[in-house]
N, C-alpha and C. Protein backbone atom coordinates (compact mmCIF):
# COMPACT_ATOMS: atom_id res chain seq x y z
N MET A 1 35.19 25.59 26.35
CA MET A 1 34.66 24.54 25.50
C MET A 1 35.81 23.91 24.74
N ASP A 2 35.72 22.64 24.54
CA ASP A 2 36.72 21.86 23.82
C ASP A 2 36.78 22.33 22.36
N PRO A 3 37.95 22.53 21.79
CA PRO A 3 38.04 23.01 20.40
C PRO A 3 37.40 22.03 19.40
N GLN A 4 37.49 20.75 19.68
CA GLN A 4 36.89 19.76 18.78
C GLN A 4 35.35 19.86 18.84
N ALA A 5 34.81 20.04 20.03
CA ALA A 5 33.36 20.19 20.18
C ALA A 5 32.89 21.48 19.52
N ALA A 6 33.68 22.53 19.61
CA ALA A 6 33.31 23.80 18.99
C ALA A 6 33.30 23.67 17.47
N SER A 7 34.24 22.91 16.91
CA SER A 7 34.27 22.74 15.45
C SER A 7 33.09 21.88 14.99
N LEU A 8 32.72 20.89 15.80
CA LEU A 8 31.55 20.08 15.47
C LEU A 8 30.27 20.92 15.52
N LEU A 9 30.17 21.78 16.52
CA LEU A 9 29.02 22.67 16.63
C LEU A 9 28.97 23.63 15.45
N ALA A 10 30.14 24.10 15.02
CA ALA A 10 30.20 25.01 13.89
C ALA A 10 29.75 24.32 12.61
N LEU A 11 29.98 23.02 12.49
CA LEU A 11 29.51 22.27 11.32
C LEU A 11 28.02 21.95 11.43
N PHE A 12 27.56 21.71 12.64
CA PHE A 12 26.18 21.30 12.87
C PHE A 12 25.18 22.43 12.63
N ILE A 13 25.55 23.65 12.96
CA ILE A 13 24.63 24.79 12.83
C ILE A 13 24.20 25.02 11.38
N PRO A 14 25.11 25.07 10.38
CA PRO A 14 24.64 25.26 8.99
C PRO A 14 23.83 24.06 8.48
N ILE A 15 24.23 22.85 8.90
CA ILE A 15 23.48 21.67 8.47
C ILE A 15 22.06 21.73 9.02
N LEU A 16 21.92 22.08 10.27
CA LEU A 16 20.60 22.20 10.89
C LEU A 16 19.78 23.28 10.19
N GLY A 17 20.42 24.39 9.85
CA GLY A 17 19.72 25.48 9.15
C GLY A 17 19.22 25.03 7.79
N MET A 18 20.05 24.27 7.06
CA MET A 18 19.62 23.77 5.75
C MET A 18 18.48 22.76 5.89
N MET A 19 18.52 21.93 6.91
CA MET A 19 17.46 20.96 7.14
C MET A 19 16.14 21.66 7.45
N ILE A 20 16.19 22.67 8.29
CA ILE A 20 14.98 23.41 8.64
C ILE A 20 14.43 24.13 7.41
N GLY A 21 15.31 24.75 6.64
CA GLY A 21 14.88 25.43 5.42
C GLY A 21 14.27 24.46 4.42
N GLY A 22 14.89 23.30 4.26
CA GLY A 22 14.35 22.29 3.35
C GLY A 22 13.00 21.80 3.81
N PHE A 23 12.85 21.64 5.12
CA PHE A 23 11.56 21.19 5.66
C PHE A 23 10.48 22.24 5.39
N VAL A 24 10.80 23.50 5.56
CA VAL A 24 9.82 24.56 5.32
C VAL A 24 9.42 24.59 3.85
N VAL A 25 10.39 24.47 2.95
CA VAL A 25 10.08 24.47 1.52
C VAL A 25 9.24 23.26 1.16
N PHE A 26 9.61 22.09 1.70
CA PHE A 26 8.86 20.86 1.42
C PHE A 26 7.44 20.94 1.97
N SER A 27 7.29 21.51 3.15
CA SER A 27 5.95 21.56 3.76
C SER A 27 5.01 22.49 3.01
N ARG A 28 5.53 23.44 2.27
CA ARG A 28 4.69 24.36 1.51
C ARG A 28 4.44 23.88 0.08
N SER A 29 5.07 22.76 -0.31
CA SER A 29 4.88 22.24 -1.66
C SER A 29 3.59 21.41 -1.72
N HIS A 30 3.18 21.09 -2.92
CA HIS A 30 1.97 20.27 -3.11
C HIS A 30 2.16 18.89 -2.48
N ILE A 31 3.32 18.32 -2.64
CA ILE A 31 3.59 17.00 -2.07
C ILE A 31 3.56 17.06 -0.55
N GLY A 32 4.13 18.10 0.02
CA GLY A 32 4.11 18.25 1.47
C GLY A 32 2.71 18.39 2.02
N ARG A 33 1.88 19.17 1.32
CA ARG A 33 0.49 19.33 1.77
C ARG A 33 -0.29 18.02 1.64
N ALA A 34 -0.06 17.31 0.53
CA ALA A 34 -0.74 16.03 0.33
C ALA A 34 -0.32 15.03 1.40
N LEU A 35 0.96 15.01 1.74
CA LEU A 35 1.45 14.11 2.78
C LEU A 35 0.84 14.48 4.14
N ALA A 36 0.77 15.76 4.43
CA ALA A 36 0.17 16.20 5.70
C ALA A 36 -1.31 15.83 5.76
N ASP A 37 -2.02 16.00 4.64
CA ASP A 37 -3.44 15.61 4.60
C ASP A 37 -3.60 14.10 4.79
N ARG A 38 -2.71 13.33 4.19
CA ARG A 38 -2.78 11.87 4.31
C ARG A 38 -2.52 11.44 5.75
N ILE A 39 -1.55 12.05 6.39
CA ILE A 39 -1.24 11.72 7.78
C ILE A 39 -2.41 12.09 8.69
N ALA A 40 -3.04 13.23 8.40
CA ALA A 40 -4.16 13.70 9.22
C ALA A 40 -5.46 12.96 8.90
N GLY A 41 -5.46 12.13 7.86
CA GLY A 41 -6.66 11.38 7.50
C GLY A 41 -7.64 12.18 6.68
N ARG A 42 -7.17 13.24 6.06
CA ARG A 42 -8.06 14.08 5.25
C ARG A 42 -7.80 13.91 3.76
N SER A 43 -7.28 12.77 3.37
CA SER A 43 -6.93 12.61 1.96
C SER A 43 -8.20 12.69 1.11
N ALA A 44 -8.10 13.40 0.04
CA ALA A 44 -9.26 13.62 -0.82
C ALA A 44 -9.34 12.51 -1.86
N ALA A 45 -10.28 11.60 -1.67
CA ALA A 45 -10.49 10.52 -2.63
C ALA A 45 -11.51 10.99 -3.66
N PRO A 46 -11.33 10.60 -4.91
CA PRO A 46 -12.31 10.97 -5.93
C PRO A 46 -13.69 10.44 -5.54
N PRO A 47 -14.75 11.15 -5.89
CA PRO A 47 -16.09 10.78 -5.43
C PRO A 47 -16.55 9.39 -5.87
N GLY A 48 -16.20 8.94 -7.06
CA GLY A 48 -16.66 7.65 -7.55
C GLY A 48 -15.79 6.49 -7.11
N LEU A 49 -14.73 6.77 -6.38
CA LEU A 49 -13.78 5.73 -6.04
C LEU A 49 -14.37 4.69 -5.10
N GLU A 50 -15.15 5.11 -4.14
CA GLU A 50 -15.72 4.17 -3.17
C GLU A 50 -16.69 3.21 -3.85
N ALA A 51 -17.50 3.72 -4.77
CA ALA A 51 -18.43 2.85 -5.50
C ALA A 51 -17.67 1.86 -6.38
N GLU A 52 -16.59 2.34 -6.98
CA GLU A 52 -15.79 1.46 -7.83
C GLU A 52 -15.12 0.35 -7.01
N VAL A 53 -14.65 0.69 -5.82
CA VAL A 53 -14.04 -0.30 -4.95
C VAL A 53 -15.08 -1.34 -4.53
N ARG A 54 -16.29 -0.90 -4.20
CA ARG A 54 -17.36 -1.85 -3.84
C ARG A 54 -17.67 -2.79 -5.00
N GLU A 55 -17.72 -2.23 -6.20
CA GLU A 55 -18.00 -3.04 -7.39
C GLU A 55 -16.89 -4.07 -7.62
N LEU A 56 -15.66 -3.64 -7.48
CA LEU A 56 -14.52 -4.55 -7.68
C LEU A 56 -14.50 -5.65 -6.62
N ARG A 57 -14.86 -5.31 -5.39
CA ARG A 57 -14.91 -6.33 -4.34
C ARG A 57 -15.98 -7.37 -4.65
N GLY A 58 -17.11 -6.92 -5.19
CA GLY A 58 -18.15 -7.86 -5.59
C GLY A 58 -17.67 -8.78 -6.70
N GLU A 59 -16.94 -8.23 -7.66
CA GLU A 59 -16.40 -9.05 -8.74
C GLU A 59 -15.40 -10.07 -8.21
N VAL A 60 -14.58 -9.66 -7.26
CA VAL A 60 -13.59 -10.57 -6.68
C VAL A 60 -14.30 -11.71 -5.96
N GLU A 61 -15.34 -11.41 -5.22
CA GLU A 61 -16.10 -12.45 -4.52
C GLU A 61 -16.73 -13.42 -5.51
N ALA A 62 -17.27 -12.90 -6.62
CA ALA A 62 -17.85 -13.76 -7.65
C ALA A 62 -16.79 -14.67 -8.26
N LEU A 63 -15.61 -14.11 -8.52
CA LEU A 63 -14.52 -14.91 -9.07
C LEU A 63 -14.06 -15.98 -8.08
N ARG A 64 -14.03 -15.66 -6.80
CA ARG A 64 -13.65 -16.65 -5.79
C ARG A 64 -14.64 -17.80 -5.77
N ALA A 65 -15.94 -17.47 -5.83
CA ALA A 65 -16.96 -18.51 -5.84
C ALA A 65 -16.82 -19.39 -7.08
N GLU A 66 -16.58 -18.77 -8.21
CA GLU A 66 -16.42 -19.53 -9.46
C GLU A 66 -15.18 -20.43 -9.40
N LEU A 67 -14.11 -19.90 -8.83
CA LEU A 67 -12.88 -20.70 -8.69
C LEU A 67 -13.11 -21.88 -7.75
N THR A 68 -13.82 -21.67 -6.67
CA THR A 68 -14.12 -22.75 -5.73
C THR A 68 -14.93 -23.84 -6.43
N GLU A 69 -15.93 -23.43 -7.20
CA GLU A 69 -16.75 -24.40 -7.93
C GLU A 69 -15.90 -25.17 -8.94
N THR A 70 -15.01 -24.49 -9.64
CA THR A 70 -14.14 -25.14 -10.61
C THR A 70 -13.22 -26.14 -9.92
N GLN A 71 -12.68 -25.79 -8.77
CA GLN A 71 -11.82 -26.70 -8.03
C GLN A 71 -12.59 -27.93 -7.56
N GLU A 72 -13.83 -27.74 -7.12
CA GLU A 72 -14.64 -28.88 -6.71
C GLU A 72 -14.92 -29.81 -7.89
N ARG A 73 -15.20 -29.24 -9.05
CA ARG A 73 -15.43 -30.06 -10.25
C ARG A 73 -14.17 -30.82 -10.64
N LEU A 74 -13.03 -30.17 -10.53
CA LEU A 74 -11.77 -30.83 -10.85
C LEU A 74 -11.51 -31.99 -9.89
N ASP A 75 -11.74 -31.78 -8.61
CA ASP A 75 -11.56 -32.85 -7.62
C ASP A 75 -12.50 -34.02 -7.93
N PHE A 76 -13.75 -33.73 -8.27
CA PHE A 76 -14.71 -34.78 -8.60
C PHE A 76 -14.24 -35.57 -9.82
N THR A 77 -13.77 -34.86 -10.85
CA THR A 77 -13.29 -35.52 -12.07
C THR A 77 -12.08 -36.39 -11.77
N GLU A 78 -11.17 -35.91 -10.94
CA GLU A 78 -9.98 -36.70 -10.57
C GLU A 78 -10.40 -37.97 -9.82
N ARG A 79 -11.37 -37.85 -8.92
CA ARG A 79 -11.84 -39.03 -8.18
C ARG A 79 -12.50 -40.03 -9.12
N LEU A 80 -13.28 -39.54 -10.07
CA LEU A 80 -13.92 -40.41 -11.04
C LEU A 80 -12.88 -41.16 -11.89
N LEU A 81 -11.88 -40.43 -12.34
CA LEU A 81 -10.84 -41.05 -13.18
C LEU A 81 -10.04 -42.07 -12.40
N SER A 82 -9.71 -41.76 -11.16
CA SER A 82 -8.92 -42.71 -10.37
C SER A 82 -9.75 -43.94 -9.99
N ALA A 83 -11.06 -43.77 -9.77
CA ALA A 83 -11.94 -44.91 -9.49
C ALA A 83 -12.08 -45.79 -10.72
N GLY A 84 -12.13 -45.21 -11.90
CA GLY A 84 -12.24 -45.96 -13.14
C GLY A 84 -11.00 -46.80 -13.40
N ARG A 85 -9.84 -46.29 -13.05
CA ARG A 85 -8.58 -47.02 -13.23
C ARG A 85 -8.50 -48.21 -12.28
N LYS A 86 -8.98 -48.04 -11.06
CA LYS A 86 -8.91 -49.11 -10.08
C LYS A 86 -9.83 -50.28 -10.45
N GLU A 87 -11.00 -49.97 -11.02
CA GLU A 87 -11.96 -50.99 -11.40
C GLU A 87 -11.47 -51.79 -12.60
N GLY A 88 -10.77 -51.13 -13.50
CA GLY A 88 -10.41 -51.78 -14.76
C GLY A 88 -9.17 -52.54 -14.74
């Protein structure tokens, strides 16, 4: 074996060992378990969260409708004002 390749291998083995050890420690931590649950699709959402999201979506839809109505009123007012200027 080439001496340069052997020295690279000698450096790679401890680095690989530390990476594996770090992965094992991380996977047993709370964050590691939460990440694994999230990836697997088993994330635990609080029970009232879905109802709250539905409520917020309803509020957003109401606000969109109100904004649309306000924009229509503004357009109407602008047309009225511009028509008044042309006549006068």
